């Protein structure tokens, strides 16, 4: 396992906006329509969460369940330098990457506590990172959760400081897990991405056993509906 600072380390990132602000942003993007829910339901969930315990949720991320708002629908809503986000062409099965090692609340909307980009785990492989996160009582973010995070805080996606979302995995017909693991980073505009997509937010994948110096492992301390 690569040398790094303590697994308990947390990336120095800005505080998330209030839940009510996050809800309004998702509504402005039309996420409630993608999920087939009234805008007022999204507003009410955020308002109720703030009233219940505003201190506990001060740094929480608001997310829509992936069954209602899949990655393929959320990725184009990302904006970086005025360009929409996209999914790599060799990941047409992106929405089949489902939660593994992560238990989601049985609710259309939920909160994610303690999100962290995992900069201190850069140059680890997913295979190395997952047990370390588990030992630290953290769970990896799902791909859709990572997209939600970048929607709310585009600045968390930086050159040479992007992240994997290994809570989402694809299970093959034989029951084995696909070796691809999803990640969100910034396109260089090369190859099949196309020059017009240079600097756009990109949903792609990396191999389970490979290391990348510019990819951390996004994780959370908990989720609640």
C-alpha atoms as a PDB file:
ATOM      1  CA  UNK A   1       0.000   0.000   0.000  1.00  0.00           C
ATOM      2  CA  UNK A   2       1.417   3.454  -0.879  1.00  0.00           C
ATOM      3  CA  UNK A   3       2.670   5.714   1.859  1.00  0.00           C
ATOM      4  CA  UNK A   4       0.251   8.486   2.771  1.00  0.00           C
ATOM      5  CA  UNK A   5      -0.988  10.560   5.648  1.00  0.00           C
ATOM      6  CA  UNK A   6      -3.510   9.007   8.032  1.00  0.00           C
ATOM      7  CA  UNK A   7      -6.609   7.554   6.425  1.00  0.00           C
ATOM      8  CA  UNK A   8      -8.597   9.766   8.804  1.00  0.00           C
ATOM      9  CA  UNK A   9      -7.269  12.870   7.043  1.00  0.00           C
ATOM     10  CA  UNK A  10      -9.851  15.074   5.356  1.00  0.00           C
ATOM     11  CA  UNK A  11      -9.273  17.210   2.273  1.00  0.00           C
ATOM     12  CA  UNK A  12      -9.368  20.979   2.850  1.00  0.00           C
ATOM     13  CA  UNK A  13     -12.471  21.855   0.843  1.00  0.00           C
ATOM     14  CA  UNK A  14     -15.138  24.561   1.146  1.00  0.00           C
ATOM     15  CA  UNK A  15     -18.207  23.957   3.285  1.00  0.00           C
ATOM     16  CA  UNK A  16     -21.223  22.732   1.352  1.00  0.00           C
ATOM     17  CA  UNK A  17     -24.084  25.194   0.790  1.00  0.00           C
ATOM     18  CA  UNK A  18     -27.144  24.956   3.087  1.00  0.00           C
ATOM     19  CA  UNK A  19     -29.519  22.133   2.220  1.00  0.00           C
ATOM     20  CA  UNK A  20     -32.215  24.558   1.118  1.00  0.00           C
ATOM     21  CA  UNK A  21     -29.744  26.181  -1.280  1.00  0.00           C
ATOM     22  CA  UNK A  22     -28.755  22.764  -2.614  1.00  0.00           C
ATOM     23  CA  UNK A  23     -32.412  21.892  -3.157  1.00  0.00           C
ATOM     24  CA  UNK A  24     -33.046  25.065  -5.142  1.00  0.00           C
ATOM     25  CA  UNK A  25     -30.001  24.414  -7.303  1.00  0.00           C
ATOM     26  CA  UNK A  26     -31.210  20.897  -8.128  1.00  0.00           C
ATOM     27  CA  UNK A  27     -34.616  22.332  -8.991  1.00  0.00           C
ATOM     28  CA  UNK A  28     -33.023  24.960 -11.250  1.00  0.00           C
ATOM     29  CA  UNK A  29     -31.202  22.131 -13.052  1.00  0.00           C
ATOM     30  CA  UNK A  30     -34.424  20.162 -13.450  1.00  0.00           C
ATOM     31  CA  UNK A  31     -33.269  17.209 -11.357  1.00  0.00           C
ATOM     32  CA  UNK A  32     -36.671  16.940  -9.692  1.00  0.00           C
ATOM     33  CA  UNK A  33     -38.219  16.446 -13.128  1.00  0.00           C
ATOM     34  CA  UNK A  34     -35.700  13.728 -13.984  1.00  0.00           C
ATOM     35  CA  UNK A  35     -36.655  12.022 -10.728  1.00  0.00           C
ATOM     36  CA  UNK A  36     -40.384  12.429 -11.327  1.00  0.00           C
ATOM     37  CA  UNK A  37     -41.035  14.379  -8.130  1.00  0.00           C
ATOM     38  CA  UNK A  38     -42.618  17.783  -7.450  1.00  0.00           C
ATOM     39  CA  UNK A  39     -40.194  20.611  -6.744  1.00  0.00           C
ATOM     40  CA  UNK A  40     -41.982  21.240  -3.462  1.00  0.00           C
ATOM     41  CA  UNK A  41     -41.116  17.720  -2.276  1.00  0.00           C
ATOM     42  CA  UNK A  42     -37.439  18.503  -2.716  1.00  0.00           C
ATOM     43  CA  UNK A  43     -37.831  21.846  -0.942  1.00  0.00           C
ATOM     44  CA  UNK A  44     -39.781  20.282   1.929  1.00  0.00           C
ATOM     45  CA  UNK A  45     -37.187  17.555   2.489  1.00  0.00           C
ATOM     46  CA  UNK A  46     -34.374  20.128   2.741  1.00  0.00           C
ATOM     47  CA  UNK A  47     -36.386  22.430   5.007  1.00  0.00           C
ATOM     48  CA  UNK A  48     -37.378  19.586   7.321  1.00  0.00           C
ATOM     49  CA  UNK A  49     -33.779  18.385   7.567  1.00  0.00           C
ATOM     50  CA  UNK A  50     -32.587  21.881   8.460  1.00  0.00           C
ATOM     51  CA  UNK A  51     -35.282  22.244  11.120  1.00  0.00           C
ATOM     52  CA  UNK A  52     -34.607  18.815  12.623  1.00  0.00           C
ATOM     53  CA  UNK A  53     -30.923  19.373  13.261  1.00  0.00           C
ATOM     54  CA  UNK A  54     -29.310  22.238  11.370  1.00  0.00           C
ATOM     55  CA  UNK A  55     -25.926  21.745  13.053  1.00  0.00           C
ATOM     56  CA  UNK A  56     -25.685  18.039  12.177  1.00  0.00           C
ATOM     57  CA  UNK A  57     -26.600  18.653   8.542  1.00  0.00           C
ATOM     58  CA  UNK A  58     -24.515  21.786   8.065  1.00  0.00           C
ATOM     59  CA  UNK A  59     -21.968  19.946   5.916  1.00  0.00           C
ATOM     60  CA  UNK A  60     -24.302  17.313   4.457  1.00  0.00           C
ATOM     61  CA  UNK A  61     -24.817  16.693   0.750  1.00  0.00           C
ATOM     62  CA  UNK A  62     -28.359  16.336  -0.577  1.00  0.00           C
ATOM     63  CA  UNK A  63     -28.777  13.455  -3.038  1.00  0.00           C
ATOM     64  CA  UNK A  64     -31.515  11.895  -5.138  1.00  0.00           C
ATOM     65  CA  UNK A  65     -31.629   8.099  -5.119  1.00  0.00           C
ATOM     66  CA  UNK A  66     -29.785   6.701  -8.185  1.00  0.00           C
ATOM     67  CA  UNK A  67     -32.854   4.672  -9.195  1.00  0.00           C
ATOM     68  CA  UNK A  68     -34.626   7.998  -9.824  1.00  0.00           C
ATOM     69  CA  UNK A  69     -31.750  10.110 -11.169  1.00  0.00           C
ATOM     70  CA  UNK A  70     -29.112   7.894 -12.840  1.00  0.00           C
ATOM     71  CA  UNK A  71     -25.592   8.942 -13.735  1.00  0.00           C
ATOM     72  CA  UNK A  72     -26.325   9.173 -17.474  1.00  0.00           C
ATOM     73  CA  UNK A  73     -28.973  11.841 -16.784  1.00  0.00           C
ATOM     74  CA  UNK A  74     -26.973  13.764 -14.182  1.00  0.00           C
ATOM     75  CA  UNK A  75     -23.597  13.934 -15.950  1.00  0.00           C
ATOM     76  CA  UNK A  76     -24.708  16.345 -18.731  1.00  0.00           C
ATOM     77  CA  UNK A  77     -25.884  18.791 -16.041  1.00  0.00           C
ATOM     78  CA  UNK A  78     -22.310  19.296 -14.867  1.00  0.00           C
ATOM     79  CA  UNK A  79     -20.728  22.540 -16.039  1.00  0.00           C
ATOM     80  CA  UNK A  80     -17.060  23.449 -16.199  1.00  0.00           C
ATOM     81  CA  UNK A  81     -15.807  26.427 -18.194  1.00  0.00           C
ATOM     82  CA  UNK A  82     -19.279  26.596 -19.735  1.00  0.00           C
ATOM     83  CA  UNK A  83     -19.073  23.041 -21.078  1.00  0.00           C
ATOM     84  CA  UNK A  84     -21.468  20.231 -20.122  1.00  0.00           C
ATOM     85  CA  UNK A  85     -20.222  17.090 -18.458  1.00  0.00           C
ATOM     86  CA  UNK A  86     -20.257  13.767 -20.268  1.00  0.00           C
ATOM     87  CA  UNK A  87     -19.842  10.017 -19.886  1.00  0.00           C
ATOM     88  CA  UNK A  88     -17.014   8.347 -21.823  1.00  0.00           C
ATOM     89  CA  UNK A  89     -18.132   6.522 -24.959  1.00  0.00           C
ATOM     90  CA  UNK A  90     -16.876   3.143 -23.738  1.00  0.00           C
ATOM     91  CA  UNK A  91     -19.149   3.245 -20.683  1.00  0.00           C
ATOM     92  CA  UNK A  92     -22.621   2.839 -22.238  1.00  0.00           C
ATOM     93  CA  UNK A  93     -23.573   0.683 -19.249  1.00  0.00           C
ATOM     94  CA  UNK A  94     -22.870   3.465 -16.736  1.00  0.00           C
ATOM     95  CA  UNK A  95     -26.311   3.201 -15.131  1.00  0.00           C
ATOM     96  CA  UNK A  96     -25.774  -0.466 -14.370  1.00  0.00           C
ATOM     97  CA  UNK A  97     -23.033   0.436 -11.860  1.00  0.00           C
ATOM     98  CA  UNK A  98     -24.968  -0.097  -8.635  1.00  0.00           C
ATOM     99  CA  UNK A  99     -24.213   0.348  -4.914  1.00  0.00           C
ATOM    100  CA  UNK A 100     -21.852  -2.245  -3.447  1.00  0.00           C
ATOM    101  CA  UNK A 101     -20.533  -2.126   0.131  1.00  0.00           C
ATOM    102  CA  UNK A 102     -22.896   0.876   0.552  1.00  0.00           C
ATOM    103  CA  UNK A 103     -26.374   0.694   2.078  1.00  0.00           C
ATOM    104  CA  UNK A 104     -28.666   3.463   0.853  1.00  0.00           C
ATOM    105  CA  UNK A 105     -31.694   4.767   2.731  1.00  0.00           C
ATOM    106  CA  UNK A 106     -34.968   3.446   1.343  1.00  0.00           C
ATOM    107  CA  UNK A 107     -36.096   6.917   0.309  1.00  0.00           C
ATOM    108  CA  UNK A 108     -36.131   9.059  -2.849  1.00  0.00           C
ATOM    109  CA  UNK A 109     -34.009  11.740  -1.153  1.00  0.00           C
ATOM    110  CA  UNK A 110     -31.257  11.359   1.418  1.00  0.00           C
ATOM    111  CA  UNK A 111     -28.339  13.136   3.070  1.00  0.00           C
ATOM    112  CA  UNK A 112     -24.661  12.212   2.899  1.00  0.00           C
ATOM    113  CA  UNK A 113     -22.505  13.265   5.842  1.00  0.00           C
ATOM    114  CA  UNK A 114     -18.788  13.979   5.952  1.00  0.00           C
ATOM    115  CA  UNK A 115     -18.002  13.924   2.234  1.00  0.00           C
ATOM    116  CA  UNK A 116     -14.293  13.950   1.478  1.00  0.00           C
ATOM    117  CA  UNK A 117     -12.339  13.850  -1.776  1.00  0.00           C
ATOM    118  CA  UNK A 118      -9.677  11.507  -0.452  1.00  0.00           C
ATOM    119  CA  UNK A 119      -6.663  13.463  -1.700  1.00  0.00           C
ATOM    120  CA  UNK A 120      -4.465  11.641   0.835  1.00  0.00           C
ATOM    121  CA  UNK A 121      -5.198   8.371  -0.991  1.00  0.00           C
ATOM    122  CA  UNK A 122      -3.999   9.524  -4.400  1.00  0.00           C
ATOM    123  CA  UNK A 123      -1.836   6.866  -6.066  1.00  0.00           C
ATOM    124  CA  UNK A 124      -3.695   4.064  -4.283  1.00  0.00           C
ATOM    125  CA  UNK A 125      -5.590   1.476  -6.279  1.00  0.00           C
ATOM    126  CA  UNK A 126      -9.315   0.910  -5.601  1.00  0.00           C
ATOM    127  CA  UNK A 127      -8.358  -2.539  -4.355  1.00  0.00           C
ATOM    128  CA  UNK A 128      -6.084  -0.943  -1.745  1.00  0.00           C
ATOM    129  CA  UNK A 129      -8.388   1.938  -0.877  1.00  0.00           C
ATOM    130  CA  UNK A 130     -11.611   0.084  -0.087  1.00  0.00           C
ATOM    131  CA  UNK A 131     -10.385  -1.878   2.969  1.00  0.00           C
ATOM    132  CA  UNK A 132      -8.642   1.217   4.314  1.00  0.00           C
ATOM    133  CA  UNK A 133     -11.854   3.240   4.057  1.00  0.00           C
ATOM    134  CA  UNK A 134     -13.792   0.447   5.741  1.00  0.00           C
ATOM    135  CA  UNK A 135     -11.287   0.302   8.589  1.00  0.00           C
ATOM    136  CA  UNK A 136     -11.731   4.057   9.070  1.00  0.00           C
ATOM    137  CA  UNK A 137     -15.538   3.659   9.261  1.00  0.00           C
ATOM    138  CA  UNK A 138     -16.001   5.484   5.987  1.00  0.00           C
ATOM    139  CA  UNK A 139     -17.873   4.317   2.882  1.00  0.00           C
ATOM    140  CA  UNK A 140     -16.970   5.186  -0.721  1.00  0.00           C
ATOM    141  CA  UNK A 141     -19.257   7.523  -2.626  1.00  0.00           C
ATOM    142  CA  UNK A 142     -21.483   6.220  -5.375  1.00  0.00           C
ATOM    143  CA  UNK A 143     -20.983   7.649  -8.846  1.00  0.00           C
ATOM    144  CA  UNK A 144     -24.298   9.532  -8.645  1.00  0.00           C
ATOM    145  CA  UNK A 145     -23.308  10.942  -5.248  1.00  0.00           C
ATOM    146  CA  UNK A 146     -20.031  12.186  -6.684  1.00  0.00           C
ATOM    147  CA  UNK A 147     -21.904  13.887  -9.512  1.00  0.00           C
ATOM    148  CA  UNK A 148     -24.282  15.491  -7.003  1.00  0.00           C
ATOM    149  CA  UNK A 149     -21.256  16.807  -5.139  1.00  0.00           C
ATOM    150  CA  UNK A 150     -19.715  18.392  -8.238  1.00  0.00           C
ATOM    151  CA  UNK A 151     -23.104  19.848  -9.193  1.00  0.00           C
ATOM    152  CA  UNK A 152     -23.218  21.647  -5.851  1.00  0.00           C
ATOM    153  CA  UNK A 153     -19.499  22.461  -5.638  1.00  0.00           C
ATOM    154  CA  UNK A 154     -17.827  22.486  -9.070  1.00  0.00           C
ATOM    155  CA  UNK A 155     -14.571  23.557  -7.420  1.00  0.00           C
ATOM    156  CA  UNK A 156     -14.087  20.091  -5.864  1.00  0.00           C
ATOM    157  CA  UNK A 157     -12.996  18.941  -9.329  1.00  0.00           C
ATOM    158  CA  UNK A 158      -9.478  20.293  -9.844  1.00  0.00           C
ATOM    159  CA  UNK A 159      -6.664  19.460 -12.200  1.00  0.00           C
ATOM    160  CA  UNK A 160      -4.594  16.681 -10.597  1.00  0.00           C
ATOM    161  CA  UNK A 161      -7.102  16.454  -7.718  1.00  0.00           C
ATOM    162  CA  UNK A 162     -10.076  14.490  -8.957  1.00  0.00           C
ATOM    163  CA  UNK A 163     -11.670  11.391  -7.453  1.00  0.00           C
ATOM    164  CA  UNK A 164     -12.971   7.878  -7.841  1.00  0.00           C
ATOM    165  CA  UNK A 165     -16.416   6.725  -6.724  1.00  0.00           C
ATOM    166  CA  UNK A 166     -15.870   3.059  -6.005  1.00  0.00           C
ATOM    167  CA  UNK A 167     -19.126   2.600  -4.110  1.00  0.00           C
ATOM    168  CA  UNK A 168     -20.668   1.898  -7.527  1.00  0.00           C
ATOM    169  CA  UNK A 169     -19.689  -1.358  -9.218  1.00  0.00           C
ATOM    170  CA  UNK A 170     -21.050  -3.426 -12.076  1.00  0.00           C
ATOM    171  CA  UNK A 171     -21.905  -7.032 -11.321  1.00  0.00           C
ATOM    172  CA  UNK A 172     -21.606  -9.311 -14.354  1.00  0.00           C
ATOM    173  CA  UNK A 173     -24.006 -12.085 -15.292  1.00  0.00           C
ATOM    174  CA  UNK A 174     -21.763 -14.667 -13.624  1.00  0.00           C
ATOM    175  CA  UNK A 175     -21.914 -12.761 -10.321  1.00  0.00           C
ATOM    176  CA  UNK A 176     -18.356 -11.410 -10.478  1.00  0.00           C
ATOM    177  CA  UNK A 177     -17.659  -7.696 -10.246  1.00  0.00           C
ATOM    178  CA  UNK A 178     -16.510  -5.911 -13.381  1.00  0.00           C
ATOM    179  CA  UNK A 179     -12.907  -4.683 -13.054  1.00  0.00           C
ATOM    180  CA  UNK A 180     -13.894  -1.158 -14.088  1.00  0.00           C
ATOM    181  CA  UNK A 181     -14.397   1.366 -11.286  1.00  0.00           C
ATOM    182  CA  UNK A 182     -16.047   4.763 -11.968  1.00  0.00           C
ATOM    183  CA  UNK A 183     -14.402   8.117 -11.465  1.00  0.00           C
ATOM    184  CA  UNK A 184     -14.977  11.798 -12.195  1.00  0.00           C
ATOM    185  CA  UNK A 185     -12.172  13.908 -13.609  1.00  0.00           C
ATOM    186  CA  UNK A 186     -11.399  16.632 -16.153  1.00  0.00           C
ATOM    187  CA  UNK A 187     -11.096  15.866 -19.852  1.00  0.00           C
ATOM    188  CA  UNK A 188      -7.946  16.777 -21.745  1.00  0.00           C
ATOM    189  CA  UNK A 189      -9.927  16.838 -24.978  1.00  0.00           C
ATOM    190  CA  UNK A 190      -7.912  14.006 -26.484  1.00  0.00           C
ATOM    191  CA  UNK A 191      -8.962  10.836 -28.286  1.00  0.00           C
ATOM    192  CA  UNK A 192     -12.645  10.054 -28.406  1.00  0.00           C
ATOM    193  CA  UNK A 193     -13.468  12.852 -25.953  1.00  0.00           C
ATOM    194  CA  UNK A 194     -12.991  15.401 -28.759  1.00  0.00           C
ATOM    195  CA  UNK A 195     -11.152  18.722 -28.555  1.00  0.00           C
ATOM    196  CA  UNK A 196     -14.405  20.563 -27.916  1.00  0.00           C
ATOM    197  CA  UNK A 197     -14.659  18.770 -24.562  1.00  0.00           C
ATOM    198  CA  UNK A 198     -11.287  19.872 -23.237  1.00  0.00           C
ATOM    199  CA  UNK A 199     -11.641  20.937 -19.574  1.00  0.00           C
ATOM    200  CA  UNK A 200     -15.172  19.538 -19.289  1.00  0.00           C
ATOM    201  CA  UNK A 201     -16.141  17.308 -16.359  1.00  0.00           C
ATOM    202  CA  UNK A 202     -15.820  13.690 -17.404  1.00  0.00           C
ATOM    203  CA  UNK A 203     -17.355  10.497 -16.019  1.00  0.00           C
ATOM    204  CA  UNK A 204     -15.088   7.582 -16.812  1.00  0.00           C
ATOM    205  CA  UNK A 205     -13.526   4.504 -15.288  1.00  0.00           C
ATOM    206  CA  UNK A 206     -10.249   2.996 -14.133  1.00  0.00           C
ATOM    207  CA  UNK A 207      -9.174  -0.587 -13.458  1.00  0.00           C
ATOM    208  CA  UNK A 208      -9.689  -2.041  -9.979  1.00  0.00           C
ATOM    209  CA  UNK A 209      -6.004  -2.792  -9.522  1.00  0.00           C
ATOM    210  CA  UNK A 210      -4.478   0.358 -11.040  1.00  0.00           C
ATOM    211  CA  UNK A 211      -3.092   3.449  -9.288  1.00  0.00           C
ATOM    212  CA  UNK A 212      -3.421   7.039 -10.481  1.00  0.00           C
ATOM    213  CA  UNK A 213      -1.537   9.931  -8.894  1.00  0.00           C
ATOM    214  CA  UNK A 214      -4.332  12.401  -9.715  1.00  0.00           C
ATOM    215  CA  UNK A 215      -7.292  10.413  -8.349  1.00  0.00           C
ATOM    216  CA  UNK A 216      -8.297  10.273  -4.704  1.00  0.00           C
ATOM    217  CA  UNK A 217     -11.181   8.216  -3.302  1.00  0.00           C
ATOM    218  CA  UNK A 218     -14.317  10.145  -2.399  1.00  0.00           C
ATOM    219  CA  UNK A 219     -16.019   8.848   0.730  1.00  0.00           C
ATOM    220  CA  UNK A 220     -18.533   9.698   3.446  1.00  0.00           C
ATOM    221  CA  UNK A 221     -19.137   9.024   7.139  1.00  0.00           C
ATOM    222  CA  UNK A 222     -22.811   8.128   6.754  1.00  0.00           C
ATOM    223  CA  UNK A 223     -26.176   8.508   5.009  1.00  0.00           C
ATOM    224  CA  UNK A 224     -29.693   9.060   6.257  1.00  0.00           C
ATOM    225  CA  UNK A 225     -33.093   9.552   4.668  1.00  0.00           C
END
